[in-house]
Amino acid sequence: MDMQWLNESRCLTEDPELFFPVGNTGPAVDQIDQAKAVCRECNVATQCLEYAIKENQDTGVWGGLSEDERKSLKRKYARARRAG
């Protein structure tokens, strides 16, 4: 998979820890929101999300979606494929 998009990512200048909060409650919620704010400013967030889904990245914030949001999206894709 071509990873050239990574060189244009907004997160390159951020602390990587920001995108990998521990848990999904309490302080982690604020951290997730901060990571998503960076993603909203990123020109390659779509490519990042596609990469995370294709490569089964199951931790962290990728392409503006949290772990739980990506899991939900993958379930929706799976249901649509079965129905379609």
PDB file of N, CA and C in Angstrom:
ATOM      1  N   MET A   1       0.846  -1.185   0.000  1.00  0.00           N
ATOM      2  CA  MET A   1       0.000   0.000   0.000  1.00  0.00           C
ATOM      3  C   MET A   1       0.890   1.246   0.000  1.00  0.00           C
ATOM      4  N   ASP A   2       0.566   2.189  -0.854  1.00  0.00           N
ATOM      5  CA  ASP A   2       1.320   3.436  -0.952  1.00  0.00           C
ATOM      6  C   ASP A   2       1.086   4.286   0.293  1.00  0.00           C
ATOM      7  N   MET A   3       2.172   4.684   0.929  1.00  0.00           N
ATOM      8  CA  MET A   3       2.081   5.450   2.175  1.00  0.00           C
ATOM      9  C   MET A   3       2.557   6.892   1.992  1.00  0.00           C
ATOM     10  N   GLN A   4       2.662   7.365   0.755  1.00  0.00           N
ATOM     11  CA  GLN A   4       3.135   8.730   0.511  1.00  0.00           C
ATOM     12  C   GLN A   4       2.295   9.771   1.245  1.00  0.00           C
ATOM     13  N   TRP A   5       1.022   9.508   1.423  1.00  0.00           N
ATOM     14  CA  TRP A   5       0.129  10.436   2.101  1.00  0.00           C
ATOM     15  C   TRP A   5       0.633  10.772   3.500  1.00  0.00           C
ATOM     16  N   LEU A   6       1.334   9.843   4.109  1.00  0.00           N
ATOM     17  CA  LEU A   6       1.814  10.042   5.475  1.00  0.00           C
ATOM     18  C   LEU A   6       2.722  11.263   5.583  1.00  0.00           C
ATOM     19  N   ASN A   7       3.480  11.537   4.536  1.00  0.00           N
ATOM     20  CA  ASN A   7       4.377  12.698   4.543  1.00  0.00           C
ATOM     21  C   ASN A   7       3.628  14.023   4.576  1.00  0.00           C
ATOM     22  N   GLU A   8       2.353  14.000   4.240  1.00  0.00           N
ATOM     23  CA  GLU A   8       1.537  15.214   4.235  1.00  0.00           C
ATOM     24  C   GLU A   8       0.610  15.297   5.442  1.00  0.00           C
ATOM     25  N   SER A   9       0.697  14.333   6.329  1.00  0.00           N
ATOM     26  CA  SER A   9      -0.246  14.274   7.445  1.00  0.00           C
ATOM     27  C   SER A   9       0.021  15.356   8.483  1.00  0.00           C
ATOM     28  N   ARG A  10      -1.030  15.878   9.008  1.00  0.00           N
ATOM     29  CA  ARG A  10      -0.969  16.933  10.032  1.00  0.00           C
ATOM     30  C   ARG A  10      -0.361  16.401  11.320  1.00  0.00           C
ATOM     31  N   CYS A  11      -0.504  15.131  11.581  1.00  0.00           N
ATOM     32  CA  CYS A  11      -0.032  14.551  12.842  1.00  0.00           C
ATOM     33  C   CYS A  11       1.488  14.392  12.900  1.00  0.00           C
ATOM     34  N   LEU A  12       2.168  14.581  11.797  1.00  0.00           N
ATOM     35  CA  LEU A  12       3.627  14.434  11.787  1.00  0.00           C
ATOM     36  C   LEU A  12       4.309  15.332  12.802  1.00  0.00           C
ATOM     37  N   THR A  13       3.723  16.478  13.072  1.00  0.00           N
ATOM     38  CA  THR A  13       4.339  17.423  13.999  1.00  0.00           C
ATOM     39  C   THR A  13       3.791  17.301  15.415  1.00  0.00           C
ATOM     40  N   GLU A  14       2.937  16.326  15.640  1.00  0.00           N
ATOM     41  CA  GLU A  14       2.326  16.120  16.958  1.00  0.00           C
ATOM     42  C   GLU A  14       2.993  14.962  17.686  1.00  0.00           C
ATOM     43  N   ASP A  15       2.815  14.924  18.989  1.00  0.00           N
ATOM     44  CA  ASP A  15       3.293  13.805  19.797  1.00  0.00           C
ATOM     45  C   ASP A  15       2.441  12.584  19.454  1.00  0.00           C
ATOM     46  N   PRO A  16       3.040  11.498  18.994  1.00  0.00           N
ATOM     47  CA  PRO A  16       2.265  10.302  18.628  1.00  0.00           C
ATOM     48  C   PRO A  16       1.386   9.778  19.762  1.00  0.00           C
ATOM     49  N   GLU A  17       1.796  10.001  20.995  1.00  0.00           N
ATOM     50  CA  GLU A  17       1.009   9.535  22.144  1.00  0.00           C
ATOM     51  C   GLU A  17      -0.395  10.133  22.150  1.00  0.00           C
ATOM     52  N   LEU A  18      -0.537  11.325  21.575  1.00  0.00           N
ATOM     53  CA  LEU A  18      -1.841  11.978  21.531  1.00  0.00           C
ATOM     54  C   LEU A  18      -2.876  11.088  20.863  1.00  0.00           C
ATOM     55  N   PHE A  19      -2.460  10.331  19.867  1.00  0.00           N
ATOM     56  CA  PHE A  19      -3.381   9.540  19.054  1.00  0.00           C
ATOM     57  C   PHE A  19      -3.628   8.138  19.599  1.00  0.00           C
ATOM     58  N   PHE A  20      -3.017   7.837  20.737  1.00  0.00           N
ATOM     59  CA  PHE A  20      -3.171   6.514  21.339  1.00  0.00           C
ATOM     60  C   PHE A  20      -3.486   6.635  22.821  1.00  0.00           C
ATOM     61  N   PRO A  21      -4.679   7.169  23.135  1.00  0.00           N
ATOM     62  CA  PRO A  21      -5.065   7.308  24.539  1.00  0.00           C
ATOM     63  C   PRO A  21      -5.260   5.942  25.190  1.00  0.00           C
ATOM     64  N   VAL A  22      -5.085   5.933  26.493  1.00  0.00           N
ATOM     65  CA  VAL A  22      -5.306   4.703  27.250  1.00  0.00           C
ATOM     66  C   VAL A  22      -6.748   4.732  27.742  1.00  0.00           C
ATOM     67  N   GLY A  23      -7.567   3.836  27.202  1.00  0.00           N
ATOM     68  CA  GLY A  23      -8.973   3.774  27.576  1.00  0.00           C
ATOM     69  C   GLY A  23      -9.838   4.652  26.698  1.00  0.00           C
ATOM     70  N   ASN A  24     -11.115   4.737  27.081  1.00  0.00           N
ATOM     71  CA  ASN A  24     -12.041   5.584  26.330  1.00  0.00           C
ATOM     72  C   ASN A  24     -13.029   6.286  27.253  1.00  0.00           C
ATOM     73  N   THR A  25     -12.598   6.504  28.497  1.00  0.00           N
ATOM     74  CA  THR A  25     -13.390   7.257  29.459  1.00  0.00           C
ATOM     75  C   THR A  25     -12.476   8.246  30.174  1.00  0.00           C
ATOM     76  N   GLY A  26     -13.080   9.165  30.901  1.00  0.00           N
ATOM     77  CA  GLY A  26     -12.313  10.124  31.690  1.00  0.00           C
ATOM     78  C   GLY A  26     -11.374  10.961  30.841  1.00  0.00           C
ATOM     79  N   PRO A  27     -10.109  11.087  31.272  1.00  0.00           N
ATOM     80  CA  PRO A  27      -9.143  11.918  30.544  1.00  0.00           C
ATOM     81  C   PRO A  27      -8.924  11.452  29.101  1.00  0.00           C
ATOM     82  N   ALA A  28      -9.128  10.183  28.841  1.00  0.00           N
ATOM     83  CA  ALA A  28      -8.933   9.663  27.481  1.00  0.00           C
ATOM     84  C   ALA A  28      -9.915  10.309  26.508  1.00  0.00           C
ATOM     85  N   VAL A  29     -11.105  10.647  26.976  1.00  0.00           N
ATOM     86  CA  VAL A  29     -12.102  11.281  26.103  1.00  0.00           C
ATOM     87  C   VAL A  29     -11.578  12.628  25.607  1.00  0.00           C
ATOM     88  N   ASP A  30     -10.980  13.403  26.516  1.00  0.00           N
ATOM     89  CA  ASP A  30     -10.403  14.692  26.115  1.00  0.00           C
ATOM     90  C   ASP A  30      -9.260  14.492  25.131  1.00  0.00           C
ATOM     91  N   GLN A  31      -8.454  13.482  25.369  1.00  0.00           N
ATOM     92  CA  GLN A  31      -7.327  13.199  24.483  1.00  0.00           C
ATOM     93  C   GLN A  31      -7.819  12.796  23.094  1.00  0.00           C
ATOM     94  N   ILE A  32      -8.856  11.980  23.052  1.00  0.00           N
ATOM     95  CA  ILE A  32      -9.453  11.579  21.770  1.00  0.00           C
ATOM     96  C   ILE A  32      -9.967  12.809  21.027  1.00  0.00           C
ATOM     97  N   ASP A  33     -10.629  13.706  21.753  1.00  0.00           N
ATOM     98  CA  ASP A  33     -11.139  14.931  21.128  1.00  0.00           C
ATOM     99  C   ASP A  33     -10.002  15.791  20.581  1.00  0.00           C
ATOM    100  N   GLN A  34      -8.895  15.869  21.314  1.00  0.00           N
ATOM    101  CA  GLN A  34      -7.738  16.641  20.841  1.00  0.00           C
ATOM    102  C   GLN A  34      -7.151  16.013  19.576  1.00  0.00           C
ATOM    103  N   ALA A  35      -7.053  14.699  19.567  1.00  0.00           N
ATOM    104  CA  ALA A  35      -6.521  14.010  18.386  1.00  0.00           C
ATOM    105  C   ALA A  35      -7.436  14.230  17.180  1.00  0.00           C
ATOM    106  N   LYS A  36      -8.732  14.138  17.399  1.00  0.00           N
ATOM    107  CA  LYS A  36      -9.684  14.353  16.308  1.00  0.00           C
ATOM    108  C   LYS A  36      -9.605  15.777  15.766  1.00  0.00           C
ATOM    109  N   ALA A  37      -9.316  16.741  16.645  1.00  0.00           N
ATOM    110  CA  ALA A  37      -9.172  18.133  16.203  1.00  0.00           C
ATOM    111  C   ALA A  37      -8.000  18.261  15.229  1.00  0.00           C
ATOM    112  N   VAL A  38      -6.922  17.546  15.491  1.00  0.00           N
ATOM    113  CA  VAL A  38      -5.782  17.539  14.572  1.00  0.00           C
ATOM    114  C   VAL A  38      -6.214  16.922  13.245  1.00  0.00           C
ATOM    115  N   CYS A  39      -6.932  15.822  13.313  1.00  0.00           N
ATOM    116  CA  CYS A  39      -7.390  15.140  12.098  1.00  0.00           C
ATOM    117  C   CYS A  39      -8.301  16.029  11.255  1.00  0.00           C
ATOM    118  N   ARG A  40      -9.125  16.831  11.910  1.00  0.00           N
ATOM    119  CA  ARG A  40     -10.036  17.714  11.159  1.00  0.00           C
ATOM    120  C   ARG A  40      -9.270  18.728  10.316  1.00  0.00           C
ATOM    121  N   GLU A  41      -8.061  19.053  10.714  1.00  0.00           N
ATOM    122  CA  GLU A  41      -7.231  20.013   9.979  1.00  0.00           C
ATOM    123  C   GLU A  41      -6.339  19.334   8.942  1.00  0.00           C
ATOM    124  N   CYS A  42      -6.437  18.020   8.828  1.00  0.00           N
ATOM    125  CA  CYS A  42      -5.522  17.248   7.993  1.00  0.00           C
ATOM    126  C   CYS A  42      -6.090  17.033   6.590  1.00  0.00           C
ATOM    127  N   ASN A  43      -5.243  17.249   5.600  1.00  0.00           N
ATOM    128  CA  ASN A  43      -5.662  17.071   4.205  1.00  0.00           C
ATOM    129  C   ASN A  43      -5.681  15.614   3.759  1.00  0.00           C
ATOM    130  N   VAL A  44      -5.097  14.729   4.547  1.00  0.00           N
ATOM    131  CA  VAL A  44      -5.031  13.319   4.145  1.00  0.00           C
ATOM    132  C   VAL A  44      -5.759  12.405   5.140  1.00  0.00           C
ATOM    133  N   ALA A  45      -6.715  12.956   5.868  1.00  0.00           N
ATOM    134  CA  ALA A  45      -7.447  12.166   6.859  1.00  0.00           C
ATOM    135  C   ALA A  45      -8.183  10.990   6.215  1.00  0.00           C
ATOM    136  N   THR A  46      -8.707  11.176   5.024  1.00  0.00           N
ATOM    137  CA  THR A  46      -9.420  10.092   4.343  1.00  0.00           C
ATOM    138  C   THR A  46      -8.480   8.933   4.037  1.00  0.00           C
ATOM    139  N   GLN A  47      -7.295   9.243   3.528  1.00  0.00           N
ATOM    140  CA  GLN A  47      -6.314   8.194   3.245  1.00  0.00           C
ATOM    141  C   GLN A  47      -5.888   7.491   4.532  1.00  0.00           C
ATOM    142  N   CYS A  48      -5.755   8.256   5.592  1.00  0.00           N
ATOM    143  CA  CYS A  48      -5.378   7.701   6.890  1.00  0.00           C
ATOM    144  C   CYS A  48      -6.439   6.714   7.378  1.00  0.00           C
ATOM    145  N   LEU A  49      -7.691   7.111   7.282  1.00  0.00           N
ATOM    146  CA  LEU A  49      -8.784   6.237   7.702  1.00  0.00           C
ATOM    147  C   LEU A  49      -8.839   4.980   6.844  1.00  0.00           C
ATOM    148  N   GLU A  50      -8.688   5.133   5.545  1.00  0.00           N
ATOM    149  CA  GLU A  50      -8.684   3.963   4.654  1.00  0.00           C
ATOM    150  C   GLU A  50      -7.559   3.004   5.033  1.00  0.00           C
ATOM    151  N   TYR A  51      -6.385   3.547   5.312  1.00  0.00           N
ATOM    152  CA  TYR A  51      -5.249   2.720   5.729  1.00  0.00           C
ATOM    153  C   TYR A  51      -5.588   1.965   7.015  1.00  0.00           C
ATOM    154  N   ALA A  52      -6.119   2.674   7.991  1.00  0.00           N
ATOM    155  CA  ALA A  52      -6.425   2.058   9.284  1.00  0.00           C
ATOM    156  C   ALA A  52      -7.417   0.913   9.133  1.00  0.00           C
ATOM    157  N   ILE A  53      -8.409   1.092   8.281  1.00  0.00           N
ATOM    158  CA  ILE A  53      -9.414   0.047   8.084  1.00  0.00           C
ATOM    159  C   ILE A  53      -8.811  -1.141   7.337  1.00  0.00           C
ATOM    160  N   LYS A  54      -8.086  -0.873   6.267  1.00  0.00           N
ATOM    161  CA  LYS A  54      -7.498  -1.961   5.477  1.00  0.00           C
ATOM    162  C   LYS A  54      -6.457  -2.751   6.259  1.00  0.00           C
ATOM    163  N   GLU A  55      -5.714  -2.061   7.112  1.00  0.00           N
ATOM    164  CA  GLU A  55      -4.635  -2.710   7.860  1.00  0.00           C
ATOM    165  C   GLU A  55      -5.068  -3.145   9.260  1.00  0.00           C
ATOM    166  N   ASN A  56      -6.363  -3.058   9.531  1.00  0.00           N
ATOM    167  CA  ASN A  56      -6.924  -3.481  10.817  1.00  0.00           C
ATOM    168  C   ASN A  56      -6.243  -2.832  12.017  1.00  0.00           C
ATOM    169  N   GLN A  57      -6.023  -1.530  11.920  1.00  0.00           N
ATOM    170  CA  GLN A  57      -5.491  -0.786  13.062  1.00  0.00           C
ATOM    171  C   GLN A  57      -6.611  -0.697  14.095  1.00  0.00           C
ATOM    172  N   ASP A  58      -6.458  -1.399  15.188  1.00  0.00           N
ATOM    173  CA  ASP A  58      -7.555  -1.450  16.150  1.00  0.00           C
ATOM    174  C   ASP A  58      -7.307  -0.612  17.396  1.00  0.00           C
ATOM    175  N   THR A  59      -6.245   0.178  17.405  1.00  0.00           N
ATOM    176  CA  THR A  59      -6.001   1.082  18.524  1.00  0.00           C
ATOM    177  C   THR A  59      -5.747   2.484  17.994  1.00  0.00           C
ATOM    178  N   GLY A  60      -6.081   3.457  18.796  1.00  0.00           N
ATOM    179  CA  GLY A  60      -5.767   4.836  18.473  1.00  0.00           C
ATOM    180  C   GLY A  60      -6.794   5.535  17.602  1.00  0.00           C
ATOM    181  N   VAL A  61      -6.513   6.799  17.355  1.00  0.00           N
ATOM    182  CA  VAL A  61      -7.333   7.640  16.485  1.00  0.00           C
ATOM    183  C   VAL A  61      -6.650   7.693  15.126  1.00  0.00           C
ATOM    184  N   TRP A  62      -7.374   7.318  14.104  1.00  0.00           N
ATOM    185  CA  TRP A  62      -6.873   7.312  12.720  1.00  0.00           C
ATOM    186  C   TRP A  62      -7.918   7.966  11.840  1.00  0.00           C
ATOM    187  N   GLY A  63      -7.500   8.914  11.033  1.00  0.00           N
ATOM    188  CA  GLY A  63      -8.428   9.540  10.093  1.00  0.00           C
ATOM    189  C   GLY A  63      -9.619  10.199  10.753  1.00  0.00           C
ATOM    190  N   GLY A  64      -9.454  10.608  11.985  1.00  0.00           N
ATOM    191  CA  GLY A  64     -10.526  11.302  12.691  1.00  0.00           C
ATOM    192  C   GLY A  64     -11.519  10.409  13.400  1.00  0.00           C
ATOM    193  N   LEU A  65     -11.289   9.098  13.394  1.00  0.00           N
ATOM    194  CA  LEU A  65     -12.200   8.182  14.079  1.00  0.00           C
ATOM    195  C   LEU A  65     -11.479   7.438  15.195  1.00  0.00           C
ATOM    196  N   SER A  66     -12.188   7.254  16.288  1.00  0.00           N
ATOM    197  CA  SER A  66     -11.655   6.498  17.420  1.00  0.00           C
ATOM    198  C   SER A  66     -11.745   5.000  17.138  1.00  0.00           C
ATOM    199  N   GLU A  67     -11.171   4.227  18.032  1.00  0.00           N
ATOM    200  CA  GLU A  67     -11.225   2.762  17.909  1.00  0.00           C
ATOM    201  C   GLU A  67     -12.667   2.286  17.785  1.00  0.00           C
ATOM    202  N   ASP A  68     -13.515   2.752  18.703  1.00  0.00           N
ATOM    203  CA  ASP A  68     -14.911   2.313  18.703  1.00  0.00           C
ATOM    204  C   ASP A  68     -15.642   2.742  17.434  1.00  0.00           C
ATOM    205  N   GLU A  69     -15.358   3.938  16.957  1.00  0.00           N
ATOM    206  CA  GLU A  69     -16.017   4.422  15.739  1.00  0.00           C
ATOM    207  C   GLU A  69     -15.595   3.609  14.521  1.00  0.00           C
ATOM    208  N   ARG A  70     -14.324   3.244  14.452  1.00  0.00           N
ATOM    209  CA  ARG A  70     -13.874   2.409  13.324  1.00  0.00           C
ATOM    210  C   ARG A  70     -14.488   1.018  13.404  1.00  0.00           C
ATOM    211  N   LYS A  71     -14.588   0.457  14.593  1.00  0.00           N
ATOM    212  CA  LYS A  71     -15.221  -0.859  14.740  1.00  0.00           C
ATOM    213  C   LYS A  71     -16.665  -0.808  14.260  1.00  0.00           C
ATOM    214  N   SER A  72     -17.368   0.237  14.630  1.00  0.00           N
ATOM    215  CA  SER A  72     -18.757   0.398  14.198  1.00  0.00           C
ATOM    216  C   SER A  72     -18.845   0.528  12.679  1.00  0.00           C
ATOM    217  N   LEU A  73     -17.948   1.306  12.098  1.00  0.00           N
ATOM    218  CA  LEU A  73     -17.925   1.480  10.648  1.00  0.00           C
ATOM    219  C   LEU A  73     -17.650   0.158   9.943  1.00  0.00           C
ATOM    220  N   LYS A  74     -16.730  -0.616  10.466  1.00  0.00           N
ATOM    221  CA  LYS A  74     -16.414  -1.916   9.864  1.00  0.00           C
ATOM    222  C   LYS A  74     -17.608  -2.864   9.943  1.00  0.00           C
ATOM    223  N   ARG A  75     -18.348  -2.809  11.044  1.00  0.00           N
ATOM    224  CA  ARG A  75     -19.551  -3.649  11.165  1.00  0.00           C
ATOM    225  C   ARG A  75     -20.594  -3.242  10.128  1.00  0.00           C
ATOM    226  N   LYS A  76     -20.752  -1.935   9.927  1.00  0.00           N
ATOM    227  CA  LYS A  76     -21.710  -1.455   8.925  1.00  0.00           C
ATOM    228  C   LYS A  76     -21.308  -1.921   7.531  1.00  0.00           C
ATOM    229  N   TYR A  77     -20.010  -1.831   7.205  1.00  0.00           N
ATOM    230  CA  TYR A  77     -19.525  -2.317   5.908  1.00  0.00           C
ATOM    231  C   TYR A  77     -19.823  -3.801   5.749  1.00  0.00           C
ATOM    232  N   ALA A  78     -19.567  -4.573   6.797  1.00  0.00           N
ATOM    233  CA  ALA A  78     -19.777  -6.022   6.736  1.00  0.00           C
ATOM    234  C   ALA A  78     -21.255  -6.345   6.518  1.00  0.00           C
ATOM    235  N   ARG A  79     -22.140  -5.643   7.224  1.00  0.00           N
ATOM    236  CA  ARG A  79     -23.582  -5.865   7.048  1.00  0.00           C
ATOM    237  C   ARG A  79     -24.012  -5.513   5.630  1.00  0.00           C
ATOM    238  N   ALA A  80     -23.496  -4.423   5.112  1.00  0.00           N
ATOM    239  CA  ALA A  80     -23.860  -3.999   3.755  1.00  0.00           C
ATOM    240  C   ALA A  80     -23.392  -5.018   2.725  1.00  0.00           C
ATOM    241  N   ARG A  81     -22.207  -5.584   2.916  1.00  0.00           N
ATOM    242  CA  ARG A  81     -21.704  -6.604   1.979  1.00  0.00           C
ATOM    243  C   ARG A  81     -22.574  -7.854   2.027  1.00  0.00           C
ATOM    244  N   ARG A  82     -22.968  -8.252   3.232  1.00  0.00           N
ATOM    245  CA  ARG A  82     -23.811  -9.452   3.358  1.00  0.00           C
ATOM    246  C   ARG A  82     -25.184  -9.223   2.736  1.00  0.00           C
ATOM    247  N   ALA A  83     -25.705  -8.018   2.886  1.00  0.00           N
ATOM    248  CA  ALA A  83     -27.038  -7.713   2.370  1.00  0.00           C
ATOM    249  C   ALA A  83     -27.026  -7.464   0.866  1.00  0.00           C
ATOM    250  N   GLY A  84     -25.875  -7.047   0.357  1.00  0.00           N
ATOM    251  CA  GLY A  84     -25.827  -6.573  -0.999  1.00  0.00           C
ATOM    252  C   GLY A  84     -25.483  -7.513  -2.043  1.00  0.00           C
TER     253      GLY A  84
END
